[in-house]
């Protein structure tokens, strides 16, 4: 049981991934909100100011790097954990330029997810 749980935001265009992580976190009494695209996710970061945000890199419309860029351009501070199936490449190098808290590889392992949350909330 988590006392004084803080809101966690999941931004991922794969609804199944959002639902899987959301269910796991809600079972541990974390309040969770989700967005299935970067534009909605960016709005939720601004409006709800979640304690931690899990952000997918590859999404249509506005990808994770675009979200990070907008946050930086608007001088908005957010605790971001990148979620990606990418092993390496230009996109992973780009996210390292931002002040992110870490990277979770997809498919997300629940033990790793728990460790990241404990370290960042």
Protein backbone atom coordinates (compact mmCIF):
# COMPACT_ATOMS: atom_id res chain seq x y z
CA UNK A 1 0.00 0.00 0.00
CA UNK A 2 1.34 3.40 -0.97
CA UNK A 3 0.74 6.35 1.35
CA UNK A 4 0.29 9.83 -0.14
CA UNK A 5 0.56 8.43 -3.65
CA UNK A 6 1.31 10.94 -6.35
CA UNK A 7 -0.19 10.99 -9.82
CA UNK A 8 1.59 9.13 -12.60
CA UNK A 9 0.99 9.94 -16.27
CA UNK A 10 1.44 7.36 -19.01
CA UNK A 11 1.75 8.66 -22.59
CA UNK A 12 1.74 5.84 -25.13
CA UNK A 13 -0.16 5.36 -28.38
CA UNK A 14 -0.53 1.64 -27.63
CA UNK A 15 -3.70 1.54 -25.53
CA UNK A 16 -2.91 -1.99 -24.38
CA UNK A 17 0.42 -0.85 -22.93
CA UNK A 18 -1.27 2.09 -21.18
CA UNK A 19 -3.96 -0.17 -19.72
CA UNK A 20 -1.46 -2.81 -18.58
CA UNK A 21 0.74 -0.30 -16.71
CA UNK A 22 -2.27 1.66 -15.42
CA UNK A 23 -3.87 -1.47 -13.93
CA UNK A 24 -0.61 -2.53 -12.29
CA UNK A 25 -0.09 0.93 -10.74
CA UNK A 26 -3.71 1.39 -9.64
CA UNK A 27 -3.54 -2.02 -7.93
CA UNK A 28 -0.72 -0.44 -5.88
CA UNK A 29 -2.92 2.60 -5.16
CA UNK A 30 -1.16 5.09 -7.42
CA UNK A 31 -3.47 7.58 -9.12
CA UNK A 32 -2.87 7.19 -12.87
CA UNK A 33 -3.86 9.24 -15.91
CA UNK A 34 -3.16 8.28 -19.51
CA UNK A 35 -2.86 9.87 -22.93
CA UNK A 36 -2.62 8.05 -26.25
CA UNK A 37 -0.74 10.81 -28.07
CA UNK A 38 1.91 13.39 -27.34
CA UNK A 39 -0.33 16.42 -27.79
CA UNK A 40 -2.82 15.27 -25.15
CA UNK A 41 0.03 14.12 -22.94
CA UNK A 42 1.69 17.53 -23.10
CA UNK A 43 -1.59 19.18 -22.08
CA UNK A 44 -1.92 16.78 -19.12
CA UNK A 45 1.64 17.51 -17.97
CA UNK A 46 0.84 21.23 -17.96
CA UNK A 47 -2.59 20.84 -16.34
CA UNK A 48 -2.11 18.00 -13.83
CA UNK A 49 1.62 18.33 -13.07
CA UNK A 50 2.12 14.60 -12.46
CA UNK A 51 4.85 13.42 -10.10
CA UNK A 52 6.19 11.11 -12.81
CA UNK A 53 5.51 10.69 -16.52
CA UNK A 54 6.20 7.59 -18.62
CA UNK A 55 6.65 8.76 -22.21
CA UNK A 56 6.84 6.62 -25.34
CA UNK A 57 9.21 7.90 -28.05
CA UNK A 58 7.42 6.60 -31.13
CA UNK A 59 3.92 7.99 -31.52
CA UNK A 60 1.96 9.53 -34.38
CA UNK A 61 1.26 13.28 -34.51
CA UNK A 62 3.58 14.38 -31.71
CA UNK A 63 6.28 11.91 -30.72
CA UNK A 64 8.12 11.74 -27.39
CA UNK A 65 11.03 13.86 -28.60
CA UNK A 66 8.56 16.55 -29.70
CA UNK A 67 6.99 16.47 -26.22
CA UNK A 68 10.41 16.81 -24.57
CA UNK A 69 11.30 19.67 -26.91
CA UNK A 70 8.06 21.53 -26.10
CA UNK A 71 8.59 21.08 -22.37
CA UNK A 72 12.10 22.49 -22.70
CA UNK A 73 10.97 25.38 -24.94
CA UNK A 74 8.21 26.31 -22.49
CA UNK A 75 10.56 25.90 -19.51
CA UNK A 76 8.28 23.28 -17.93
CA UNK A 77 9.89 20.94 -15.43
CA UNK A 78 8.66 17.33 -15.44
CA UNK A 79 10.02 14.01 -14.21
CA UNK A 80 10.13 11.93 -17.40
CA UNK A 81 10.93 8.26 -17.89
CA UNK A 82 11.22 7.26 -21.54
CA UNK A 83 9.64 3.97 -22.62
CA UNK A 84 10.91 2.49 -25.86
CA UNK A 85 11.38 -0.67 -27.83
CA UNK A 86 14.42 0.89 -29.49
CA UNK A 87 17.76 -0.62 -28.55
CA UNK A 88 19.91 2.15 -30.00
CA UNK A 89 19.92 4.87 -32.61
CA UNK A 90 19.49 8.54 -33.20
CA UNK A 91 16.22 8.88 -31.26
CA UNK A 92 17.72 7.35 -28.12
CA UNK A 93 20.71 9.66 -28.43
CA UNK A 94 18.37 12.66 -28.76
CA UNK A 95 16.43 11.89 -25.58
CA UNK A 96 19.70 11.84 -23.61
CA UNK A 97 20.02 15.58 -24.36
CA UNK A 98 16.97 16.26 -22.20
CA UNK A 99 16.76 16.09 -18.43
CA UNK A 100 15.07 12.67 -18.28
CA UNK A 101 15.08 10.43 -15.21
CA UNK A 102 15.67 7.19 -17.10
CA UNK A 103 14.75 4.81 -19.90
CA UNK A 104 12.58 1.69 -19.64
CA UNK A 105 12.82 -0.85 -22.41
CA UNK A 106 9.62 -2.23 -23.89
CA UNK A 107 8.05 -4.58 -23.21
CA UNK A 108 8.09 -3.03 -19.75
CA UNK A 109 9.10 -5.41 -16.97
CA UNK A 110 6.98 -4.82 -13.86
CA UNK A 111 9.93 -5.19 -11.48
CA UNK A 112 11.87 -2.51 -13.38
CA UNK A 113 8.78 -0.30 -13.43
CA UNK A 114 8.43 -0.60 -9.65
CA UNK A 115 12.12 0.20 -9.12
CA UNK A 116 11.91 3.30 -11.31
CA UNK A 117 8.85 4.56 -9.45
CA UNK A 118 10.43 3.99 -6.03
CA UNK A 119 13.55 5.85 -7.15
CA UNK A 120 11.64 8.83 -8.57
CA UNK A 121 8.58 9.43 -6.36
